[in-house]
Amino acid sequence: MTPALELERVTCTFVAGEDRAQRHTAVRDTSITVAPGEFVAVVGPTGCGKSTLLNIAAGLLEPSAGSVRVFGEPLAGINARAGYLFQAEALMPWRNALQNVIAGLEFRGIGPAAARAQGEDWLRRVGLGGFGDRYPHQLSGGMRKRVSLAQTLILDPEILLMDEPFSALDVQTRQLMENELLELWSADRKSVVFITHDLEEAIALSDRVMVLSAGPASHPIGDYRIDLPRPRDVAEIRLDRRFNEIHADIWHAMKDEVLKGYAQQRR
């Protein structure tokens, strides 16, 4: 089966300084393969290059070395087969929820009536039916995330790239959004790359967890298959004995890297 997304031996080095003599290698010789319909979480210490890898997969960054393929084809420019859900809010404050959701359809030239019908359907699917006329400042953090999710999924991307999308939410709202994501994902099984600092979140959501070393020059140090049954409730699955075994195995592998990352930040 052709992978949905394949990063092969990717290295990304940034040049900085007034004389452009300073170099910082965020990730080095890193490979990630995501199968069609697979949910892969990437975890690692702060500053280990997780978001850099996601930006490379999205076509927003070109790797210094290595290659990126999308469904077997080399990636050139923006990854048009992927949707990107950012950590920071990307809603337009002058547009209401419905207008934000259908913005991508409008850019694609979809007619107003068809776009509105699809937008209202997606607002219902994320639990916001009847909130289409509300503006972002009139919505809670969790509701804004639901709008962002609908805004991304309405374009029917084959790959979903998610950069810590729920990190700013309170615990209860975060678990609701995680379950909402799993329900939507299970309906059509998009390929997902999910970036998170939260190991429990990674295990509860994913089919596979990839662990990165501390930066600079971060690289994979572990790849773990999550053999927990689906469908899952993210709160209840944390009480499962197997969940705790997997958590212990992964944490044992990444603990030293987290401490390295923390020490580097304090320098």
Protein backbone atom coordinates (compact mmCIF):
# COMPACT_ATOMS: atom_id res chain seq x y z
CA MET A 1 0.00 0.00 0.00
CA THR A 2 1.35 3.41 -0.99
CA PRO A 3 1.88 5.60 2.10
CA ALA A 4 -0.29 8.69 2.38
CA LEU A 5 2.70 10.66 3.63
CA GLU A 6 6.38 9.79 3.61
CA LEU A 7 9.23 11.90 4.95
CA GLU A 8 12.48 10.14 4.11
CA ARG A 9 15.73 11.05 5.86
CA VAL A 10 14.67 14.67 6.22
CA THR A 11 17.06 17.28 7.61
CA CYS A 12 16.11 20.91 8.19
CA THR A 13 18.80 23.51 8.96
CA PHE A 14 18.04 27.19 9.53
CA VAL A 15 20.52 30.00 8.86
CA ALA A 16 20.49 32.97 11.24
CA GLY A 17 22.51 35.98 12.31
CA GLU A 18 23.31 39.21 10.48
CA ASP A 19 26.16 37.52 8.63
CA ARG A 20 24.07 34.36 8.12
CA ALA A 21 26.94 32.38 9.60
CA GLN A 22 24.93 30.82 12.40
CA ARG A 23 23.25 27.51 11.66
CA HIS A 24 20.68 25.59 13.64
CA THR A 25 19.67 22.07 12.65
CA ALA A 26 16.17 21.44 13.98
CA VAL A 27 15.79 17.84 12.74
CA ARG A 28 18.32 15.51 11.17
CA ASP A 29 17.95 12.33 9.13
CA THR A 30 14.34 11.82 10.21
CA SER A 31 11.91 9.47 8.47
CA ILE A 32 8.16 9.25 9.06
CA THR A 33 5.70 7.09 7.14
CA VAL A 34 1.93 7.40 7.57
CA ALA A 35 -0.39 4.85 5.96
CA PRO A 36 -3.78 5.79 4.48
CA GLY A 37 -6.25 6.11 7.34
CA GLU A 38 -3.57 5.87 10.02
CA PHE A 39 -3.52 8.17 13.08
CA VAL A 40 0.10 8.91 14.06
CA ALA A 41 1.04 11.05 17.05
CA VAL A 42 4.48 12.64 17.38
CA VAL A 43 5.78 13.46 20.86
CA GLY A 44 9.05 14.78 22.23
CA PRO A 45 10.63 17.50 24.37
CA THR A 46 9.93 21.17 23.78
CA GLY A 47 12.05 22.47 20.92
CA CYS A 48 12.66 19.06 19.34
CA GLY A 49 11.39 20.03 15.89
CA LYS A 50 7.89 18.53 15.94
CA SER A 51 6.28 21.58 14.35
CA THR A 52 9.15 21.80 11.85
CA LEU A 53 8.34 18.29 10.61
CA LEU A 54 4.66 19.22 10.32
CA ASN A 55 5.53 22.34 8.30
CA ILE A 56 7.68 20.23 6.00
CA ALA A 57 4.78 17.79 5.53
CA ALA A 58 2.50 20.74 4.72
CA GLY A 59 4.94 22.11 2.16
CA LEU A 60 5.44 25.31 4.16
CA LEU A 61 9.13 24.46 4.65
CA GLU A 62 11.49 22.84 2.20
CA PRO A 63 13.89 20.35 3.82
CA SER A 64 17.62 20.98 3.56
CA ALA A 65 18.05 17.31 2.72
CA GLY A 66 15.80 14.31 2.21
CA SER A 67 12.51 13.95 0.38
CA VAL A 68 8.76 14.21 0.96
CA ARG A 69 6.19 12.15 -0.93
CA VAL A 70 2.41 12.38 -0.79
CA PHE A 71 0.62 9.23 -1.97
CA GLY A 72 3.81 8.28 -3.78
CA GLU A 73 4.31 11.61 -5.56
CA PRO A 74 7.15 14.01 -4.69
CA LEU A 75 5.86 17.07 -2.85
CA ALA A 76 6.53 20.34 -4.66
CA GLY A 77 5.20 23.45 -2.94
CA ILE A 78 2.11 23.44 -0.73
CA ASN A 79 0.60 20.05 0.09
CA ALA A 80 -2.82 20.48 -1.51
CA ARG A 81 -3.97 17.07 -0.23
CA ALA A 82 -3.53 18.07 3.42
CA GLY A 83 -5.47 20.21 5.87
CA TYR A 84 -3.59 22.00 8.66
CA LEU A 85 -5.08 22.69 12.10
CA PHE A 86 -2.82 25.17 13.87
CA GLN A 87 -2.11 25.50 17.58
CA ALA A 88 -3.00 29.20 17.46
CA GLU A 89 -6.44 30.28 16.33
CA ALA A 90 -6.71 31.05 12.63
CA LEU A 91 -10.31 32.29 12.56
CA MET A 92 -11.07 35.63 10.92
CA PRO A 93 -12.63 37.87 13.60
CA TRP A 94 -14.72 39.87 11.10
CA ARG A 95 -16.49 36.71 9.85
CA ASN A 96 -19.04 34.73 11.84
CA ALA A 97 -18.71 31.00 12.47
CA LEU A 98 -20.47 29.94 9.27
CA GLN A 99 -18.52 32.42 7.17
CA ASN A 100 -15.26 31.14 8.66
CA VAL A 101 -16.18 27.52 7.99
CA ILE A 102 -17.03 28.13 4.31
CA ALA A 103 -14.11 30.46 3.55
CA GLY A 104 -12.11 27.69 1.87
CA LEU A 105 -15.07 26.66 -0.26
CA GLU A 106 -15.50 30.26 -1.40
CA PHE A 107 -11.83 30.42 -2.39
CA ARG A 108 -12.41 27.27 -4.44
CA GLY A 109 -15.26 28.94 -6.30
CA ILE A 110 -18.15 26.99 -4.74
CA GLY A 111 -21.45 28.85 -5.13
CA PRO A 112 -22.92 30.66 -2.08
CA ALA A 113 -25.94 28.36 -1.64
CA ALA A 114 -23.91 25.14 -1.88
CA ALA A 115 -21.17 26.50 0.39
CA ARG A 116 -23.71 27.61 2.99
CA ALA A 117 -25.45 24.21 2.96
CA GLN A 118 -22.15 22.39 3.47
CA GLY A 119 -21.09 24.84 6.17
CA GLU A 120 -24.30 24.42 8.14
CA ASP A 121 -23.96 20.64 7.86
CA TRP A 122 -20.42 20.76 9.23
CA LEU A 123 -21.40 23.06 12.07
CA ARG A 124 -24.02 20.49 13.06
CA ARG A 125 -21.45 17.70 12.81
CA VAL A 126 -19.14 19.46 15.28
CA GLY A 127 -22.02 20.26 17.65
CA LEU A 128 -22.51 23.92 16.71
CA GLY A 129 -25.80 23.83 14.86
CA GLY A 130 -27.51 27.16 15.48
CA PHE A 131 -24.25 29.00 16.24
CA GLY A 132 -23.39 29.95 12.67
CA ASP A 133 -24.16 33.65 13.21
CA ARG A 134 -21.85 33.98 16.22
CA TYR A 135 -18.52 35.73 15.83
CA PRO A 136 -15.30 34.27 17.27
CA HIS A 137 -15.31 36.64 20.26
CA GLN A 138 -18.80 35.36 21.14
CA LEU A 139 -17.64 31.73 21.32
CA SER A 140 -15.78 29.82 24.02
CA GLY A 141 -12.30 28.41 23.36
CA GLY A 142 -13.72 24.94 22.77
CA MET A 143 -16.34 26.26 20.38
CA ARG A 144 -13.73 28.17 18.40
CA LYS A 145 -11.72 24.96 18.08
CA ARG A 146 -14.83 23.21 16.76
CA VAL A 147 -15.22 25.94 14.16
CA SER A 148 -11.56 25.51 13.17
CA LEU A 149 -12.03 21.76 12.89
CA ALA A 150 -15.08 22.21 10.66
CA GLN A 151 -13.20 24.82 8.62
CA THR A 152 -10.47 22.26 7.91
CA LEU A 153 -12.58 19.14 7.38
CA ILE A 154 -15.14 20.79 5.08
CA LEU A 155 -12.41 20.85 2.41
CA ASP A 156 -12.18 17.04 2.64
CA PRO A 157 -8.38 16.76 2.94
CA GLU A 158 -6.89 13.29 2.61
CA ILE A 159 -4.28 14.09 5.26
CA LEU A 160 -4.90 16.03 8.46
CA LEU A 161 -1.92 17.81 10.06
CA MET A 162 -2.58 18.93 13.65
CA ASP A 163 -0.17 21.02 15.72
CA GLU A 164 -1.16 20.74 19.40
CA PRO A 165 -4.69 21.88 18.54
CA PHE A 166 -6.17 21.38 22.01
CA SER A 167 -3.26 22.45 24.23
CA ALA A 168 -4.84 25.75 25.32
CA LEU A 169 -8.14 24.19 26.45
CA ASP A 170 -9.11 23.18 29.98
CA VAL A 171 -9.00 19.47 30.77
CA GLN A 172 -12.73 18.79 30.43
CA THR A 173 -13.10 20.71 27.16
CA ARG A 174 -9.93 19.09 25.84
CA GLN A 175 -11.29 15.58 26.43
CA LEU A 176 -14.57 16.52 24.74
CA MET A 177 -12.68 17.80 21.71
CA GLU A 178 -10.47 14.70 21.60
CA ASN A 179 -13.53 12.45 21.55
CA GLU A 180 -15.12 14.70 18.92
CA LEU A 181 -12.01 14.35 16.77
CA LEU A 182 -12.00 10.55 17.10
CA GLU A 183 -15.67 10.36 16.14
CA LEU A 184 -15.15 12.51 13.05
CA TRP A 185 -11.96 10.64 12.13
CA SER A 186 -13.59 7.22 12.45
CA ALA A 187 -16.28 8.24 9.93
CA ASP A 188 -13.87 8.50 6.98
CA ARG A 189 -10.42 7.63 8.35
CA LYS A 190 -8.23 10.47 7.19
CA SER A 191 -4.50 10.03 7.62
CA VAL A 192 -3.53 12.11 10.66
CA VAL A 193 -0.23 13.46 11.97
CA PHE A 194 -0.92 14.82 15.45
CA ILE A 195 1.73 16.84 17.29
CA THR A 196 1.46 16.97 21.08
CA HIS A 197 3.53 17.37 24.24
CA ASP A 198 1.03 15.24 26.13
CA LEU A 199 1.99 11.56 26.07
CA GLU A 200 -1.39 10.48 27.48
CA GLU A 201 -3.18 12.37 24.71
CA ALA A 202 -0.95 10.77 22.09
CA ILE A 203 -1.66 7.24 23.34
CA ALA A 204 -5.40 7.81 23.80
CA LEU A 205 -5.88 9.08 20.25
CA SER A 206 -3.45 7.32 17.98
CA ASP A 207 -2.64 4.07 16.22
CA ARG A 208 1.07 4.75 16.54
CA VAL A 209 3.27 7.07 18.60
CA MET A 210 6.63 8.31 17.33
CA VAL A 211 9.06 9.73 19.91
CA LEU A 212 11.67 12.35 18.98
CA SER A 213 14.92 13.07 20.80
CA ALA A 214 15.77 16.41 22.34
CA GLY A 215 17.02 19.03 19.89
CA PRO A 216 18.99 20.35 18.20
CA ALA A 217 19.34 17.80 15.39
CA SER A 218 16.36 15.89 16.72
CA HIS A 219 15.67 12.42 15.36
CA PRO A 220 13.29 9.52 16.12
CA ILE A 221 14.21 7.34 19.10
CA GLY A 222 11.10 5.13 19.20
CA ASP A 223 8.05 4.08 17.23
CA TYR A 224 5.26 2.40 19.23
CA ARG A 225 2.18 0.59 17.96
CA ILE A 226 -0.85 1.40 20.15
CA ASP A 227 -2.81 -1.85 20.42
CA LEU A 228 -5.80 -0.45 22.29
CA PRO A 229 -9.31 -1.27 21.04
CA ARG A 230 -11.43 1.21 19.10
CA PRO A 231 -13.76 3.03 19.44
CA ARG A 232 -12.20 4.77 22.43
CA ASP A 233 -13.30 7.23 25.07
CA VAL A 234 -10.18 9.23 25.89
CA ALA A 235 -11.04 9.48 29.59
CA GLU A 236 -12.00 5.84 30.07
CA ILE A 237 -9.12 4.40 28.03
CA ARG A 238 -6.66 6.01 30.46
CA LEU A 239 -7.93 3.58 33.13
CA ASP A 240 -7.13 0.54 30.99
CA ARG A 241 -4.24 -1.63 32.24
CA ARG A 242 -2.74 -1.87 28.76
CA PHE A 243 -2.82 1.93 28.44
CA ASN A 244 -0.66 2.24 31.54
CA GLU A 245 1.76 -0.40 30.27
CA ILE A 246 2.21 1.46 26.99
CA HIS A 247 2.60 4.77 28.83
CA ALA A 248 5.33 3.28 31.06
CA ASP A 249 7.21 1.87 28.05
CA ILE A 250 7.19 5.13 26.09
CA TRP A 251 7.92 7.35 29.09
CA HIS A 252 10.91 5.15 29.96
CA ALA A 253 12.29 5.79 26.46
CA MET A 254 11.67 9.55 26.41
CA LYS A 255 12.28 10.62 30.03
CA ASP A 256 16.00 11.33 29.56
CA GLU A 257 15.28 13.30 26.39
CA VAL A 258 12.69 15.44 28.18
CA LEU A 259 15.24 16.22 30.91
CA LYS A 260 17.83 17.12 28.25
CA GLY A 261 15.37 19.45 26.57
CA TYR A 262 14.49 21.09 29.88
CA ALA A 263 18.18 21.60 30.73
CA GLN A 264 18.85 23.19 27.35
CA GLN A 265 16.01 25.68 27.85
CA ARG A 266 17.47 26.81 31.17
CA ARG A 267 20.87 27.64 29.68
